[in-house]
Amino acid sequence: MSSAPDIGPNSGPTTGIVIGVGHAERQDDGVGPYVARGLCRRGLPAVVHEGEGTGLLDQWESRPACIVVDALSDAAAPGTMRVFTDFDHPGFARAAFVHSTHRLGVPEAVALGRALGRLPRRLVVIGITGTAFGFGSGLSAPVAVAAEQLIDRLAAAENAFGDDALAGLVPS
């Protein structure tokens, strides 16, 4: 499946964008699309990306800022949000994004974008630790709570792509 077109208003190459990565039919793996659709309902530019990681380069290219939201599988409690801006950090690795159904996931897309000079000026990856990744729709309770908190935080911030919107989340 490929990337969906922009589903948020006021979205264009001069605005920032939130990209929700994942599959809604894989339980907590659907947290990215859940957040993107929630932000769109609140008037923020967002897109759902269910395709190969290389497609992320097209989504964020020429954008001044981008927030990517994806599910994590790590030792943290379900629903924990981790913010990545240091893409050399050991926690930002394929191992944490093990439930990707693609050969190239978010970490590989970031590495490729960096190598090709195709990253936005500001890129933030927010990982939400999941607990259920089997087939089926719906998020687990702690992931749903975290997703709603993230939607509220980004929608309420004066600048959804600024540091104020991300303050208080677990930095990585």
N, C-alpha and C. Protein backbone atom coordinates (compact mmCIF):
# COMPACT_ATOMS: atom_id res chain seq x y z
N MET A 1 0.84 -1.16 0.00
CA MET A 1 0.00 0.00 0.00
C MET A 1 0.89 1.23 0.00
N SER A 2 0.51 2.28 -0.68
CA SER A 2 1.35 3.46 -0.78
C SER A 2 0.83 4.56 0.14
N SER A 3 1.55 5.67 0.11
CA SER A 3 1.17 6.80 0.94
C SER A 3 -0.15 7.37 0.49
N ALA A 4 -0.93 7.82 1.46
CA ALA A 4 -2.19 8.48 1.17
C ALA A 4 -1.90 9.93 0.82
N PRO A 5 -2.77 10.58 0.06
CA PRO A 5 -2.58 12.02 -0.18
C PRO A 5 -2.77 12.77 1.12
N ASP A 6 -2.33 14.03 1.11
CA ASP A 6 -2.53 14.85 2.30
C ASP A 6 -4.00 14.82 2.69
N ILE A 7 -4.26 14.61 3.97
CA ILE A 7 -5.64 14.57 4.42
C ILE A 7 -5.96 15.73 5.34
N GLY A 8 -5.01 16.64 5.50
CA GLY A 8 -5.24 17.80 6.35
C GLY A 8 -5.35 19.06 5.53
N PRO A 9 -6.03 20.08 6.08
CA PRO A 9 -6.15 21.35 5.39
C PRO A 9 -4.84 22.12 5.48
N ASN A 10 -4.74 23.18 4.69
CA ASN A 10 -3.59 24.08 4.74
C ASN A 10 -2.27 23.34 4.61
N SER A 11 -2.26 22.31 3.83
CA SER A 11 -1.05 21.52 3.67
C SER A 11 -0.43 21.81 2.32
N GLY A 12 0.80 22.17 2.34
CA GLY A 12 1.54 22.41 1.12
C GLY A 12 3.01 22.41 1.44
N PRO A 13 3.84 22.59 0.43
CA PRO A 13 5.27 22.48 0.66
C PRO A 13 5.86 23.55 1.58
N THR A 14 5.12 24.62 1.85
CA THR A 14 5.65 25.66 2.73
C THR A 14 5.23 25.48 4.18
N THR A 15 4.41 24.48 4.45
CA THR A 15 3.98 24.24 5.82
C THR A 15 4.64 22.97 6.35
N GLY A 16 4.67 22.86 7.66
CA GLY A 16 5.12 21.62 8.28
C GLY A 16 4.03 20.57 8.10
N ILE A 17 4.39 19.34 8.37
CA ILE A 17 3.43 18.26 8.23
C ILE A 17 3.71 17.18 9.28
N VAL A 18 2.66 16.54 9.72
CA VAL A 18 2.77 15.36 10.57
C VAL A 18 2.50 14.15 9.69
N ILE A 19 3.39 13.18 9.75
CA ILE A 19 3.22 11.95 8.98
C ILE A 19 2.98 10.81 9.97
N GLY A 20 1.82 10.20 9.88
CA GLY A 20 1.48 9.07 10.72
C GLY A 20 1.80 7.77 10.00
N VAL A 21 2.80 7.04 10.49
CA VAL A 21 3.27 5.83 9.83
C VAL A 21 2.65 4.61 10.52
N GLY A 22 2.20 3.66 9.73
CA GLY A 22 1.71 2.41 10.29
C GLY A 22 0.49 1.89 9.58
N HIS A 23 -0.06 0.82 10.13
CA HIS A 23 -1.24 0.17 9.54
C HIS A 23 -2.34 0.07 10.59
N ALA A 24 -3.47 0.64 10.29
CA ALA A 24 -4.60 0.65 11.22
C ALA A 24 -5.12 -0.75 11.51
N GLU A 25 -4.86 -1.71 10.64
CA GLU A 25 -5.33 -3.07 10.85
C GLU A 25 -4.30 -3.96 11.55
N ARG A 26 -3.32 -3.33 12.19
CA ARG A 26 -2.30 -4.07 12.96
C ARG A 26 -2.24 -3.52 14.38
N GLN A 27 -3.39 -3.28 14.98
CA GLN A 27 -3.54 -2.83 16.36
C GLN A 27 -2.65 -1.63 16.65
N ASP A 28 -1.72 -1.72 17.59
CA ASP A 28 -0.93 -0.55 18.00
C ASP A 28 -0.04 -0.01 16.89
N ASP A 29 0.22 -0.80 15.87
CA ASP A 29 0.96 -0.28 14.72
C ASP A 29 0.18 0.84 14.04
N GLY A 30 -1.10 0.94 14.31
CA GLY A 30 -1.94 1.99 13.73
C GLY A 30 -1.91 3.30 14.48
N VAL A 31 -1.02 3.46 15.46
CA VAL A 31 -1.01 4.70 16.24
C VAL A 31 -0.64 5.91 15.37
N GLY A 32 0.27 5.75 14.43
CA GLY A 32 0.63 6.88 13.56
C GLY A 32 -0.55 7.38 12.74
N PRO A 33 -1.24 6.49 12.01
CA PRO A 33 -2.43 6.93 11.28
C PRO A 33 -3.51 7.50 12.20
N TYR A 34 -3.68 6.94 13.38
CA TYR A 34 -4.67 7.44 14.34
C TYR A 34 -4.37 8.89 14.69
N VAL A 35 -3.09 9.18 14.99
CA VAL A 35 -2.70 10.55 15.34
C VAL A 35 -2.89 11.48 14.14
N ALA A 36 -2.47 11.05 12.96
CA ALA A 36 -2.61 11.90 11.76
C ALA A 36 -4.07 12.25 11.50
N ARG A 37 -4.94 11.28 11.58
CA ARG A 37 -6.36 11.55 11.32
C ARG A 37 -6.96 12.44 12.41
N GLY A 38 -6.53 12.25 13.66
CA GLY A 38 -7.00 13.11 14.74
C GLY A 38 -6.56 14.55 14.56
N LEU A 39 -5.35 14.75 14.09
CA LEU A 39 -4.86 16.11 13.84
C LEU A 39 -5.60 16.76 12.68
N CYS A 40 -5.88 15.98 11.66
CA CYS A 40 -6.65 16.52 10.52
C CYS A 40 -8.02 17.00 10.96
N ARG A 41 -8.65 16.26 11.85
CA ARG A 41 -9.96 16.68 12.35
C ARG A 41 -9.88 18.00 13.11
N ARG A 42 -8.68 18.33 13.58
CA ARG A 42 -8.48 19.59 14.31
C ARG A 42 -7.85 20.67 13.44
N GLY A 43 -7.74 20.40 12.16
CA GLY A 43 -7.28 21.43 11.23
C GLY A 43 -5.78 21.51 11.01
N LEU A 44 -5.04 20.51 11.45
CA LEU A 44 -3.59 20.53 11.24
C LEU A 44 -3.22 19.67 10.03
N PRO A 45 -2.19 20.06 9.31
CA PRO A 45 -1.78 19.28 8.14
C PRO A 45 -1.13 17.97 8.56
N ALA A 46 -1.65 16.89 8.06
CA ALA A 46 -1.13 15.56 8.38
C ALA A 46 -1.45 14.62 7.23
N VAL A 47 -0.69 13.55 7.18
CA VAL A 47 -0.87 12.54 6.14
C VAL A 47 -0.63 11.17 6.77
N VAL A 48 -1.32 10.17 6.26
CA VAL A 48 -1.12 8.79 6.67
C VAL A 48 -0.17 8.15 5.67
N HIS A 49 0.83 7.47 6.19
CA HIS A 49 1.79 6.77 5.32
C HIS A 49 1.81 5.30 5.70
N GLU A 50 1.31 4.46 4.81
CA GLU A 50 1.29 3.01 5.03
C GLU A 50 2.24 2.29 4.11
N GLY A 51 3.01 3.02 3.36
CA GLY A 51 3.86 2.40 2.35
C GLY A 51 5.28 2.19 2.80
N GLU A 52 6.11 1.88 1.85
CA GLU A 52 7.53 1.63 2.07
C GLU A 52 8.19 2.88 2.64
N GLY A 53 9.19 2.67 3.48
CA GLY A 53 9.87 3.79 4.15
C GLY A 53 10.45 4.81 3.20
N THR A 54 10.85 4.38 2.01
CA THR A 54 11.43 5.34 1.06
C THR A 54 10.41 6.39 0.64
N GLY A 55 9.13 6.08 0.71
CA GLY A 55 8.09 7.05 0.37
C GLY A 55 8.04 8.22 1.33
N LEU A 56 8.61 8.06 2.52
CA LEU A 56 8.64 9.17 3.47
C LEU A 56 9.45 10.34 2.91
N LEU A 57 10.48 10.04 2.14
CA LEU A 57 11.30 11.11 1.58
C LEU A 57 10.46 12.05 0.72
N ASP A 58 9.54 11.50 -0.06
CA ASP A 58 8.66 12.32 -0.88
C ASP A 58 7.69 13.13 -0.03
N GLN A 59 7.25 12.55 1.09
CA GLN A 59 6.30 13.23 1.96
C GLN A 59 6.92 14.44 2.65
N TRP A 60 8.16 14.30 3.11
CA TRP A 60 8.74 15.40 3.88
C TRP A 60 9.64 16.32 3.07
N GLU A 61 9.99 15.91 1.86
CA GLU A 61 10.88 16.73 1.05
C GLU A 61 10.28 18.12 0.82
N SER A 62 11.08 19.11 0.93
CA SER A 62 10.76 20.54 0.75
C SER A 62 9.85 21.10 1.84
N ARG A 63 9.59 20.33 2.87
CA ARG A 63 8.84 20.84 4.02
C ARG A 63 9.82 21.49 4.99
N PRO A 64 9.44 22.59 5.62
CA PRO A 64 10.35 23.18 6.61
C PRO A 64 10.45 22.35 7.88
N ALA A 65 9.39 21.62 8.21
CA ALA A 65 9.37 20.83 9.44
C ALA A 65 8.48 19.61 9.24
N CYS A 66 8.85 18.55 9.95
CA CYS A 66 8.07 17.32 9.85
C CYS A 66 8.15 16.58 11.18
N ILE A 67 7.00 16.09 11.61
CA ILE A 67 6.93 15.19 12.75
C ILE A 67 6.43 13.86 12.21
N VAL A 68 7.19 12.81 12.47
CA VAL A 68 6.80 11.45 12.08
C VAL A 68 6.38 10.72 13.35
N VAL A 69 5.20 10.12 13.32
CA VAL A 69 4.69 9.35 14.47
C VAL A 69 4.59 7.90 14.06
N ASP A 70 5.21 7.02 14.87
CA ASP A 70 5.20 5.59 14.56
C ASP A 70 5.19 4.80 15.87
N ALA A 71 4.81 3.55 15.78
CA ALA A 71 4.80 2.67 16.95
C ALA A 71 6.21 2.16 17.23
N LEU A 72 6.48 1.96 18.50
CA LEU A 72 7.74 1.37 18.95
C LEU A 72 7.46 0.07 19.68
N SER A 73 8.44 -0.79 19.69
CA SER A 73 8.40 -1.99 20.52
C SER A 73 9.70 -2.00 21.29
N ASP A 74 9.63 -1.53 22.52
CA ASP A 74 10.84 -1.46 23.34
C ASP A 74 10.49 -1.81 24.78
N ALA A 75 11.42 -1.63 25.68
CA ALA A 75 11.23 -2.04 27.07
C ALA A 75 10.41 -1.06 27.89
N ALA A 76 10.08 0.09 27.32
CA ALA A 76 9.29 1.08 28.06
C ALA A 76 7.86 0.60 28.24
N ALA A 77 7.17 1.22 29.17
CA ALA A 77 5.76 0.88 29.42
C ALA A 77 4.93 1.23 28.18
N PRO A 78 3.92 0.41 27.87
CA PRO A 78 3.03 0.74 26.74
C PRO A 78 2.46 2.15 26.90
N GLY A 79 2.47 2.88 25.79
CA GLY A 79 1.98 4.25 25.80
C GLY A 79 3.06 5.30 26.04
N THR A 80 4.28 4.86 26.35
CA THR A 80 5.38 5.81 26.53
C THR A 80 5.71 6.46 25.19
N MET A 81 5.83 7.79 25.21
CA MET A 81 6.21 8.52 24.00
C MET A 81 7.69 8.88 24.09
N ARG A 82 8.43 8.62 23.03
CA ARG A 82 9.84 8.98 22.96
C ARG A 82 10.04 9.88 21.76
N VAL A 83 10.78 10.96 21.99
CA VAL A 83 11.06 11.94 20.94
C VAL A 83 12.50 11.75 20.46
N PHE A 84 12.64 11.58 19.17
CA PHE A 84 13.96 11.43 18.57
C PHE A 84 14.27 12.63 17.68
N THR A 85 15.36 13.31 17.99
CA THR A 85 15.90 14.34 17.11
C THR A 85 17.37 14.06 16.81
N ASP A 86 17.96 13.19 17.61
CA ASP A 86 19.34 12.74 17.40
C ASP A 86 19.24 11.36 16.75
N PHE A 87 19.43 11.33 15.46
CA PHE A 87 19.21 10.10 14.72
C PHE A 87 20.42 9.16 14.75
N ASP A 88 21.45 9.56 15.51
CA ASP A 88 22.57 8.66 15.77
C ASP A 88 22.42 7.99 17.13
N HIS A 89 21.36 8.35 17.86
CA HIS A 89 21.11 7.77 19.19
C HIS A 89 20.86 6.27 19.03
N PRO A 90 21.46 5.45 19.91
CA PRO A 90 21.28 3.99 19.77
C PRO A 90 19.83 3.53 19.88
N GLY A 91 18.99 4.30 20.56
CA GLY A 91 17.58 3.91 20.68
C GLY A 91 16.81 4.08 19.38
N PHE A 92 17.36 4.90 18.48
CA PHE A 92 16.72 5.12 17.19
C PHE A 92 17.29 4.12 16.20
N ALA A 93 16.80 2.92 16.31
CA ALA A 93 17.32 1.84 15.48
C ALA A 93 16.19 0.94 15.03
N ARG A 94 16.47 0.15 14.07
CA ARG A 94 15.48 -0.78 13.52
C ARG A 94 14.90 -1.68 14.61
N ALA A 95 15.71 -2.01 15.61
CA ALA A 95 15.24 -2.91 16.66
C ALA A 95 14.01 -2.35 17.38
N ALA A 96 13.94 -1.05 17.55
CA ALA A 96 12.80 -0.45 18.24
C ALA A 96 11.56 -0.37 17.35
N PHE A 97 11.77 -0.43 16.06
CA PHE A 97 10.66 -0.33 15.11
C PHE A 97 10.43 -1.68 14.44
N VAL A 98 10.50 -2.75 15.23
CA VAL A 98 10.47 -4.11 14.69
C VAL A 98 9.16 -4.50 14.04
N HIS A 99 8.12 -3.80 14.28
CA HIS A 99 6.83 -4.22 13.73
C HIS A 99 6.52 -3.60 12.37
N SER A 100 7.49 -2.94 11.79
CA SER A 100 7.31 -2.45 10.44
C SER A 100 7.13 -3.64 9.51
N THR A 101 6.21 -3.51 8.59
CA THR A 101 5.99 -4.59 7.63
C THR A 101 6.79 -4.35 6.35
N HIS A 102 7.69 -3.40 6.39
CA HIS A 102 8.45 -3.04 5.20
C HIS A 102 9.93 -3.30 5.40
N ARG A 103 10.62 -3.46 4.31
CA ARG A 103 12.07 -3.65 4.38
C ARG A 103 12.76 -2.40 4.90
N LEU A 104 12.25 -1.24 4.51
CA LEU A 104 12.82 0.03 4.97
C LEU A 104 11.80 0.73 5.86
N GLY A 105 12.14 0.90 7.11
CA GLY A 105 11.27 1.59 8.05
C GLY A 105 11.73 3.02 8.27
N VAL A 106 11.24 3.63 9.34
CA VAL A 106 11.56 5.03 9.63
C VAL A 106 13.07 5.24 9.82
N PRO A 107 13.77 4.43 10.63
CA PRO A 107 15.21 4.69 10.78
C PRO A 107 15.98 4.63 9.46
N GLU A 108 15.63 3.68 8.61
CA GLU A 108 16.31 3.57 7.32
C GLU A 108 15.96 4.74 6.41
N ALA A 109 14.72 5.21 6.47
CA ALA A 109 14.31 6.36 5.66
C ALA A 109 15.07 7.62 6.09
N VAL A 110 15.24 7.78 7.40
CA VAL A 110 15.99 8.93 7.89
C VAL A 110 17.45 8.84 7.42
N ALA A 111 18.05 7.68 7.55
CA ALA A 111 19.44 7.51 7.12
C ALA A 111 19.59 7.77 5.62
N LEU A 112 18.66 7.26 4.83
CA LEU A 112 18.70 7.47 3.39
C LEU A 112 18.49 8.96 3.07
N GLY A 113 17.50 9.58 3.73
CA GLY A 113 17.26 11.01 3.51
C GLY A 113 18.48 11.85 3.85
N ARG A 114 19.15 11.49 4.93
CA ARG A 114 20.37 12.23 5.31
C ARG A 114 21.45 12.06 4.24
N ALA A 115 21.65 10.82 3.78
CA ALA A 115 22.68 10.56 2.78
C ALA A 115 22.41 11.27 1.46
N LEU A 116 21.13 11.42 1.12
CA LEU A 116 20.75 12.05 -0.14
C LEU A 116 20.49 13.55 0.00
N GLY A 117 20.59 14.07 1.21
CA GLY A 117 20.30 15.50 1.42
C GLY A 117 18.82 15.81 1.27
N ARG A 118 17.96 14.87 1.66
CA ARG A 118 16.51 15.03 1.48
C ARG A 118 15.74 15.00 2.80
N LEU A 119 16.31 15.57 3.85
CA LEU A 119 15.60 15.70 5.12
C LEU A 119 15.05 17.11 5.23
N PRO A 120 13.93 17.26 5.92
CA PRO A 120 13.44 18.63 6.18
C PRO A 120 14.40 19.34 7.13
N ARG A 121 14.30 20.67 7.19
CA ARG A 121 15.18 21.42 8.10
C ARG A 121 15.00 20.96 9.54
N ARG A 122 13.77 20.67 9.94
CA ARG A 122 13.51 20.16 11.29
C ARG A 122 12.73 18.87 11.16
N LEU A 123 13.31 17.79 11.67
CA LEU A 123 12.66 16.49 11.65
C LEU A 123 12.62 15.95 13.07
N VAL A 124 11.44 15.56 13.49
CA VAL A 124 11.24 14.97 14.81
C VAL A 124 10.49 13.65 14.59
N VAL A 125 10.97 12.59 15.21
CA VAL A 125 10.28 11.30 15.17
C VAL A 125 9.77 11.02 16.57
N ILE A 126 8.48 10.77 16.67
CA ILE A 126 7.87 10.43 17.96
C ILE A 126 7.45 8.97 17.88
N GLY A 127 8.04 8.18 18.76
CA GLY A 127 7.68 6.77 18.85
C GLY A 127 6.80 6.55 20.07
N ILE A 128 5.73 5.81 19.91
CA ILE A 128 4.84 5.46 21.02
C ILE A 128 4.93 3.95 21.21
N THR A 129 5.35 3.56 22.41
CA THR A 129 5.53 2.14 22.70
C THR A 129 4.19 1.41 22.71
N GLY A 130 4.10 0.39 21.89
CA GLY A 130 2.89 -0.41 21.80
C GLY A 130 3.04 -1.72 22.53
N THR A 131 1.92 -2.43 22.58
CA THR A 131 1.91 -3.72 23.26
C THR A 131 1.26 -4.81 22.42
N ALA A 132 0.40 -4.44 21.48
CA ALA A 132 -0.34 -5.42 20.67
C ALA A 132 -0.12 -5.08 19.19
N PHE A 133 0.44 -6.04 18.44
CA PHE A 133 0.77 -5.79 17.04
C PHE A 133 0.19 -6.84 16.10
N GLY A 134 -0.78 -7.59 16.57
CA GLY A 134 -1.39 -8.61 15.73
C GLY A 134 -2.40 -8.00 14.77
N PHE A 135 -3.03 -8.85 14.01
CA PHE A 135 -4.05 -8.38 13.07
C PHE A 135 -5.30 -7.97 13.84
N GLY A 136 -5.90 -6.90 13.41
CA GLY A 136 -7.10 -6.39 14.05
C GLY A 136 -7.02 -4.88 14.19
N SER A 137 -8.17 -4.27 14.31
CA SER A 137 -8.20 -2.81 14.41
C SER A 137 -8.33 -2.40 15.87
N GLY A 138 -8.01 -1.17 16.12
CA GLY A 138 -8.11 -0.61 17.46
C GLY A 138 -6.79 -0.63 18.20
N LEU A 139 -6.55 0.43 18.94
CA LEU A 139 -5.33 0.56 19.73
C LEU A 139 -5.55 0.00 21.12
N SER A 140 -4.49 -0.49 21.74
CA SER A 140 -4.59 -0.90 23.15
C SER A 140 -4.86 0.36 23.98
N ALA A 141 -5.41 0.18 25.16
CA ALA A 141 -5.80 1.32 26.00
C ALA A 141 -4.66 2.29 26.27
N PRO A 142 -3.46 1.84 26.70
CA PRO A 142 -2.41 2.82 26.98
C PRO A 142 -1.92 3.56 25.74
N VAL A 143 -1.95 2.91 24.60
CA VAL A 143 -1.53 3.56 23.35
C VAL A 143 -2.58 4.57 22.91
N ALA A 144 -3.85 4.23 23.07
CA ALA A 144 -4.92 5.17 22.72
C ALA A 144 -4.84 6.43 23.58
N VAL A 145 -4.57 6.26 24.87
CA VAL A 145 -4.43 7.42 25.77
C VAL A 145 -3.26 8.30 25.32
N ALA A 146 -2.11 7.67 25.03
CA ALA A 146 -0.94 8.42 24.59
C ALA A 146 -1.22 9.15 23.27
N ALA A 147 -1.90 8.48 22.35
CA ALA A 147 -2.22 9.09 21.05
C ALA A 147 -3.10 10.32 21.24
N GLU A 148 -4.11 10.21 22.09
CA GLU A 148 -4.99 11.36 22.34
C GLU A 148 -4.22 12.50 23.01
N GLN A 149 -3.31 12.17 23.93
CA GLN A 149 -2.49 13.21 24.57
C GLN A 149 -1.62 13.91 23.55
N LEU A 150 -1.05 13.17 22.63
CA LEU A 150 -0.21 13.78 21.60
C LEU A 150 -1.04 14.66 20.68
N ILE A 151 -2.19 14.19 20.27
CA ILE A 151 -3.08 15.00 19.43
C ILE A 151 -3.42 16.30 20.15
N ASP A 152 -3.82 16.21 21.42
CA ASP A 152 -4.16 17.41 22.20
C ASP A 152 -2.98 18.36 22.28
N ARG A 153 -1.81 17.82 22.57
CA ARG A 153 -0.60 18.65 22.74
C ARG A 153 -0.26 19.39 21.45
N LEU A 154 -0.25 18.68 20.33
CA LEU A 154 0.11 19.31 19.06
C LEU A 154 -0.96 20.30 18.61
N ALA A 155 -2.22 19.96 18.82
CA ALA A 155 -3.31 20.86 18.40
C ALA A 155 -3.36 22.13 19.24
N ALA A 156 -2.98 22.04 20.52
CA ALA A 156 -3.06 23.19 21.41
C ALA A 156 -1.85 24.10 21.31
N ALA A 157 -0.74 23.60 20.79
CA ALA A 157 0.49 24.39 20.73
C ALA A 157 0.36 25.50 19.71
N GLU A 158 0.95 26.63 20.03
CA GLU A 158 0.96 27.75 19.10
C GLU A 158 1.66 27.35 17.80
N ASN A 159 2.73 26.58 17.94
CA ASN A 159 3.45 26.04 16.80
C ASN A 159 3.62 24.55 17.03
N ALA A 160 2.84 23.74 16.34
CA ALA A 160 2.87 22.29 16.55
C ALA A 160 4.24 21.70 16.25
N PHE A 161 5.06 22.42 15.51
CA PHE A 161 6.37 21.90 15.12
C PHE A 161 7.49 22.50 15.96
N GLY A 162 7.13 23.27 16.99
CA GLY A 162 8.12 23.91 17.84
C GLY A 162 8.40 23.14 19.11
N ASP A 163 9.39 23.62 19.84
CA ASP A 163 9.81 22.95 21.06
C ASP A 163 8.72 22.94 22.13
N ASP A 164 7.86 23.96 22.14
CA ASP A 164 6.81 24.02 23.17
C ASP A 164 5.84 22.85 23.04
N ALA A 165 5.58 22.42 21.84
CA ALA A 165 4.65 21.31 21.62
C ALA A 165 5.24 19.98 22.10
N LEU A 166 6.56 19.90 22.11
CA LEU A 166 7.22 18.64 22.42
C LEU A 166 7.79 18.60 23.84
N ALA A 167 7.71 19.72 24.55
CA ALA A 167 8.25 19.78 25.90
C ALA A 167 7.56 18.75 26.80
N GLY A 168 8.34 18.10 27.62
CA GLY A 168 7.79 17.15 28.57
C GLY A 168 7.71 15.72 28.07
N LEU A 169 7.88 15.51 26.78
CA LEU A 169 7.91 14.15 26.27
C LEU A 169 9.28 13.56 26.55
N VAL A 170 9.38 12.25 26.56
CA VAL A 170 10.65 11.59 26.90
C VAL A 170 11.65 11.80 25.76
N PRO A 171 12.70 12.59 26.02
CA PRO A 171 13.70 12.78 24.95
C PRO A 171 14.56 11.53 24.83
N SER A 172 15.02 11.30 23.63
CA SER A 172 15.88 10.14 23.39
C SER A 172 17.18 10.59 22.80
